[in-house]
Every structure is written in C-alpha cells, then in structure tokens.
Amino acid sequence: MQKLLGDKYHVPVGVENDGKAAALAEMWLGALKDVTSGEMLTLGSEVGGGIVVNDQLIHGAHFKAGKLSFMRYDSQCKDWSGLLDKLAQQLI
C-alpha cells in the first residue's frame, strides 16, 4: 500500500497501525508532547496503544509492542494455559 500510494500521488507515504498512529499524534500535538517516555492507550474492538521511549515510537521485534489485548484461546480452559498458548503463537 505504501508503494502503491506513494507512486500514484508522488508523495512520501507511511503506514502504521491505529494505536501507534494515536501515540504519534499525541507526541505531535497531544498529551505526549514534550514527554520523553510514555504510553498511549486506545480502546476500541481491542485494547492497543503505542509505547514511546526516548522520544521514539517502539514497534517491537514482531511489530506488536503496545498491543495489549488478547482473548482466551479456549473458554473451557479453567486456568490460563489456553491464553498462554495463544500468546506464544502470536509472538512466534
């Protein structure tokens, strides 16, 4: 998408997820302006956000930094093993 739009309109184009984009906007003109390190939380269909450390947006090794929500993998599971299995799969 970045290349397609950039080539079509001859402008620089960046693509970012909504939580990280919200953090960038807050760094620019909002609550994170002049804050060296902080967190932006977004509430919607998921709980997400963006993490800022030393004035830099953190993406993480798998671009999941700031993504805070997840669902229990197996609702019948009485302990947290279903959740941990699902989380481990997302990190791979």
N, C-alpha and C. Protein backbone atom coordinates (compact mmCIF):
# COMPACT_ATOMS: atom_id res chain seq x y z
N MET A 1 0.82 -1.18 0.00
CA MET A 1 0.00 0.00 0.00
C MET A 1 0.87 1.26 0.00
N GLN A 2 1.94 1.22 0.80
CA GLN A 2 2.84 2.37 0.89
C GLN A 2 3.41 2.71 -0.49
N LYS A 3 3.91 1.72 -1.20
CA LYS A 3 4.49 1.95 -2.53
C LYS A 3 3.43 2.37 -3.54
N LEU A 4 2.29 1.70 -3.52
CA LEU A 4 1.21 1.99 -4.46
C LEU A 4 0.75 3.44 -4.35
N LEU A 5 0.47 3.89 -3.14
CA LEU A 5 0.01 5.27 -2.96
C LEU A 5 1.12 6.28 -3.20
N GLY A 6 2.33 5.96 -2.76
CA GLY A 6 3.46 6.85 -2.99
C GLY A 6 3.74 7.05 -4.47
N ASP A 7 3.71 5.95 -5.22
CA ASP A 7 3.94 6.03 -6.67
C ASP A 7 2.82 6.79 -7.38
N LYS A 8 1.58 6.54 -6.96
CA LYS A 8 0.44 7.17 -7.62
C LYS A 8 0.39 8.68 -7.39
N TYR A 9 0.64 9.10 -6.14
CA TYR A 9 0.49 10.52 -5.81
C TYR A 9 1.81 11.27 -5.67
N HIS A 10 2.92 10.56 -5.83
CA HIS A 10 4.25 11.17 -5.80
C HIS A 10 4.51 11.94 -4.50
N VAL A 11 4.12 11.32 -3.39
CA VAL A 11 4.36 11.88 -2.07
C VAL A 11 4.88 10.78 -1.16
N PRO A 12 5.60 11.13 -0.12
CA PRO A 12 6.01 10.10 0.84
C PRO A 12 4.78 9.57 1.59
N VAL A 13 4.70 8.27 1.75
CA VAL A 13 3.57 7.63 2.42
C VAL A 13 4.11 6.70 3.49
N GLY A 14 3.49 6.72 4.65
CA GLY A 14 3.82 5.80 5.72
C GLY A 14 2.58 5.04 6.13
N VAL A 15 2.77 3.83 6.61
CA VAL A 15 1.65 3.00 7.07
C VAL A 15 1.94 2.60 8.52
N GLU A 16 0.93 2.79 9.38
CA GLU A 16 1.10 2.48 10.79
C GLU A 16 -0.22 1.97 11.34
N ASN A 17 -0.19 1.15 12.38
CA ASN A 17 -1.46 0.70 12.96
C ASN A 17 -2.07 1.82 13.79
N ASP A 18 -3.35 1.67 14.13
CA ASP A 18 -4.09 2.76 14.76
C ASP A 18 -3.56 3.15 16.14
N GLY A 19 -3.18 2.18 16.95
CA GLY A 19 -2.67 2.50 18.28
C GLY A 19 -1.36 3.26 18.24
N LYS A 20 -0.48 2.84 17.36
CA LYS A 20 0.81 3.52 17.22
C LYS A 20 0.62 4.89 16.56
N ALA A 21 -0.32 4.99 15.62
CA ALA A 21 -0.62 6.28 15.00
C ALA A 21 -1.17 7.26 16.04
N ALA A 22 -2.00 6.76 16.95
CA ALA A 22 -2.52 7.62 18.02
C ALA A 22 -1.38 8.13 18.90
N ALA A 23 -0.43 7.26 19.21
CA ALA A 23 0.73 7.68 20.00
C ALA A 23 1.54 8.75 19.27
N LEU A 24 1.72 8.58 17.96
CA LEU A 24 2.44 9.59 17.17
C LEU A 24 1.70 10.93 17.20
N ALA A 25 0.37 10.88 17.08
CA ALA A 25 -0.42 12.12 17.11
C ALA A 25 -0.31 12.79 18.48
N GLU A 26 -0.34 12.00 19.55
CA GLU A 26 -0.19 12.56 20.89
C GLU A 26 1.20 13.13 21.11
N MET A 27 2.22 12.52 20.50
CA MET A 27 3.58 13.07 20.58
C MET A 27 3.66 14.40 19.85
N TRP A 28 2.92 14.52 18.76
CA TRP A 28 2.97 15.71 17.93
C TRP A 28 2.24 16.89 18.59
N LEU A 29 0.97 16.68 18.98
CA LEU A 29 0.17 17.79 19.47
C LEU A 29 -0.61 17.51 20.76
N GLY A 30 -0.44 16.35 21.35
CA GLY A 30 -1.30 15.97 22.46
C GLY A 30 -0.60 15.77 23.79
N ALA A 31 -1.13 14.81 24.53
CA ALA A 31 -0.68 14.56 25.90
C ALA A 31 0.76 14.07 25.99
N LEU A 32 1.30 13.51 24.93
CA LEU A 32 2.69 13.04 24.95
C LEU A 32 3.68 14.07 24.41
N LYS A 33 3.17 15.26 24.06
CA LYS A 33 4.06 16.31 23.58
C LYS A 33 5.02 16.68 24.71
N ASP A 34 6.29 16.74 24.41
CA ASP A 34 7.34 17.07 25.38
C ASP A 34 7.51 16.01 26.46
N VAL A 35 7.00 14.79 26.24
CA VAL A 35 7.19 13.67 27.16
C VAL A 35 8.22 12.74 26.52
N THR A 36 9.27 12.43 27.23
CA THR A 36 10.33 11.59 26.68
C THR A 36 9.92 10.13 26.55
N SER A 37 9.24 9.61 27.57
CA SER A 37 8.81 8.21 27.56
C SER A 37 7.39 8.13 28.10
N GLY A 38 6.53 7.39 27.41
CA GLY A 38 5.15 7.27 27.86
C GLY A 38 4.41 6.22 27.06
N GLU A 39 3.11 6.11 27.33
CA GLU A 39 2.25 5.10 26.71
C GLU A 39 0.93 5.75 26.31
N MET A 40 0.45 5.40 25.13
CA MET A 40 -0.86 5.84 24.67
C MET A 40 -1.75 4.61 24.59
N LEU A 41 -2.90 4.62 25.27
CA LEU A 41 -3.84 3.51 25.21
C LEU A 41 -5.00 3.86 24.29
N THR A 42 -5.39 2.91 23.45
CA THR A 42 -6.57 3.08 22.60
C THR A 42 -7.57 2.00 22.97
N LEU A 43 -8.83 2.39 23.08
CA LEU A 43 -9.89 1.45 23.40
C LEU A 43 -10.85 1.40 22.23
N GLY A 44 -11.06 0.22 21.72
CA GLY A 44 -11.98 0.01 20.61
C GLY A 44 -12.36 -1.44 20.57
N SER A 45 -12.25 -2.07 19.41
CA SER A 45 -12.52 -3.51 19.34
C SER A 45 -11.44 -4.30 20.07
N GLU A 46 -10.30 -3.68 20.28
CA GLU A 46 -9.20 -4.24 21.06
C GLU A 46 -8.66 -3.15 21.98
N VAL A 47 -7.78 -3.54 22.88
CA VAL A 47 -7.04 -2.56 23.67
C VAL A 47 -5.65 -2.52 23.06
N GLY A 48 -5.29 -1.39 22.56
CA GLY A 48 -3.99 -1.25 21.91
C GLY A 48 -3.30 -0.01 22.40
N GLY A 49 -2.35 0.42 21.64
CA GLY A 49 -1.66 1.65 22.00
C GLY A 49 -0.28 1.71 21.41
N GLY A 50 0.46 2.66 21.87
CA GLY A 50 1.81 2.86 21.42
C GLY A 50 2.70 3.19 22.59
N ILE A 51 3.93 2.73 22.52
CA ILE A 51 4.91 2.95 23.58
C ILE A 51 5.99 3.87 23.02
N VAL A 52 6.29 4.91 23.78
CA VAL A 52 7.33 5.86 23.40
C VAL A 52 8.44 5.78 24.44
N VAL A 53 9.67 5.57 23.97
CA VAL A 53 10.84 5.54 24.84
C VAL A 53 11.91 6.42 24.21
N ASN A 54 12.42 7.35 24.99
CA ASN A 54 13.45 8.28 24.50
C ASN A 54 13.02 8.96 23.20
N ASP A 55 11.78 9.44 23.18
CA ASP A 55 11.22 10.17 22.04
C ASP A 55 11.08 9.32 20.78
N GLN A 56 11.12 8.00 20.90
CA GLN A 56 10.99 7.11 19.74
C GLN A 56 9.82 6.16 19.96
N LEU A 57 9.00 5.99 18.92
CA LEU A 57 7.92 5.01 18.96
C LEU A 57 8.52 3.62 18.86
N ILE A 58 8.13 2.74 19.78
CA ILE A 58 8.67 1.38 19.81
C ILE A 58 7.74 0.46 19.04
N HIS A 59 8.29 -0.29 18.09
CA HIS A 59 7.50 -1.25 17.32
C HIS A 59 7.62 -2.67 17.86
N GLY A 60 8.77 -3.02 18.39
CA GLY A 60 8.99 -4.37 18.89
C GLY A 60 9.50 -5.28 17.79
N ALA A 61 10.05 -6.41 18.18
CA ALA A 61 10.65 -7.35 17.23
C ALA A 61 9.63 -7.88 16.22
N HIS A 62 8.38 -8.00 16.65
CA HIS A 62 7.33 -8.54 15.76
C HIS A 62 6.22 -7.52 15.53
N PHE A 63 6.54 -6.24 15.71
CA PHE A 63 5.61 -5.13 15.49
C PHE A 63 4.38 -5.21 16.40
N LYS A 64 4.51 -5.82 17.58
CA LYS A 64 3.38 -5.96 18.49
C LYS A 64 3.54 -5.15 19.77
N ALA A 65 4.56 -4.34 19.86
CA ALA A 65 4.73 -3.51 21.05
C ALA A 65 3.53 -2.58 21.19
N GLY A 66 2.96 -2.51 22.36
CA GLY A 66 1.80 -1.66 22.61
C GLY A 66 0.48 -2.37 22.42
N LYS A 67 0.49 -3.53 21.77
CA LYS A 67 -0.75 -4.28 21.57
C LYS A 67 -1.04 -5.03 22.87
N LEU A 68 -2.07 -4.61 23.57
CA LEU A 68 -2.29 -5.10 24.92
C LEU A 68 -3.40 -6.13 25.04
N SER A 69 -4.29 -6.22 24.09
CA SER A 69 -5.44 -7.10 24.28
C SER A 69 -5.25 -8.44 23.60
N PHE A 70 -5.87 -9.40 24.19
CA PHE A 70 -5.92 -10.74 23.61
C PHE A 70 -7.08 -11.45 24.26
N MET A 71 -7.58 -12.49 23.62
CA MET A 71 -8.72 -13.22 24.16
C MET A 71 -8.27 -14.60 24.61
N ARG A 72 -8.99 -15.15 25.53
CA ARG A 72 -8.70 -16.51 25.97
C ARG A 72 -8.88 -17.45 24.79
N TYR A 73 -7.90 -18.25 24.50
CA TYR A 73 -7.93 -19.15 23.36
C TYR A 73 -9.00 -20.22 23.52
N ASP A 74 -9.16 -20.75 24.70
CA ASP A 74 -10.12 -21.82 24.96
C ASP A 74 -10.96 -21.41 26.16
N SER A 75 -12.22 -21.05 25.94
CA SER A 75 -13.06 -20.57 27.02
C SER A 75 -13.37 -21.66 28.04
N GLN A 76 -13.19 -22.93 27.68
CA GLN A 76 -13.43 -24.03 28.60
C GLN A 76 -12.24 -24.29 29.52
N CYS A 77 -11.12 -23.68 29.21
CA CYS A 77 -9.89 -23.87 29.98
C CYS A 77 -10.05 -23.18 31.33
N LYS A 78 -9.82 -23.90 32.42
CA LYS A 78 -10.02 -23.36 33.76
C LYS A 78 -8.82 -22.56 34.26
N ASP A 79 -7.67 -22.75 33.66
CA ASP A 79 -6.50 -21.97 34.06
C ASP A 79 -6.10 -21.06 32.90
N TRP A 80 -4.94 -20.50 32.94
CA TRP A 80 -4.51 -19.56 31.91
C TRP A 80 -3.70 -20.21 30.79
N SER A 81 -3.62 -21.54 30.76
CA SER A 81 -2.77 -22.19 29.75
C SER A 81 -3.24 -21.90 28.33
N GLY A 82 -4.56 -21.83 28.11
CA GLY A 82 -5.06 -21.51 26.76
C GLY A 82 -4.62 -20.12 26.32
N LEU A 83 -4.65 -19.18 27.25
CA LEU A 83 -4.21 -17.83 26.95
C LEU A 83 -2.72 -17.80 26.65
N LEU A 84 -1.95 -18.49 27.46
CA LEU A 84 -0.51 -18.50 27.26
C LEU A 84 -0.14 -19.17 25.94
N ASP A 85 -0.84 -20.22 25.56
CA ASP A 85 -0.58 -20.87 24.27
C ASP A 85 -0.85 -19.90 23.13
N LYS A 86 -1.98 -19.19 23.19
CA LYS A 86 -2.34 -18.23 22.15
C LYS A 86 -1.32 -17.09 22.08
N LEU A 87 -0.93 -16.58 23.23
CA LEU A 87 0.05 -15.51 23.27
C LEU A 87 1.39 -15.96 22.69
N ALA A 88 1.81 -17.17 23.01
CA ALA A 88 3.06 -17.71 22.47
C ALA A 88 2.98 -17.83 20.95
N GLN A 89 1.84 -18.24 20.42
CA GLN A 89 1.67 -18.35 18.97
C GLN A 89 1.78 -16.97 18.31
N GLN A 90 1.25 -15.93 18.95
CA GLN A 90 1.33 -14.59 18.38
C GLN A 90 2.75 -14.06 18.36
N LEU A 91 3.55 -14.48 19.32
CA LEU A 91 4.91 -13.96 19.42
C LEU A 91 5.88 -14.65 18.47
N ILE A 92 5.48 -15.81 17.94
CA ILE A 92 6.38 -16.56 17.04
C ILE A 92 6.34 -15.96 15.66
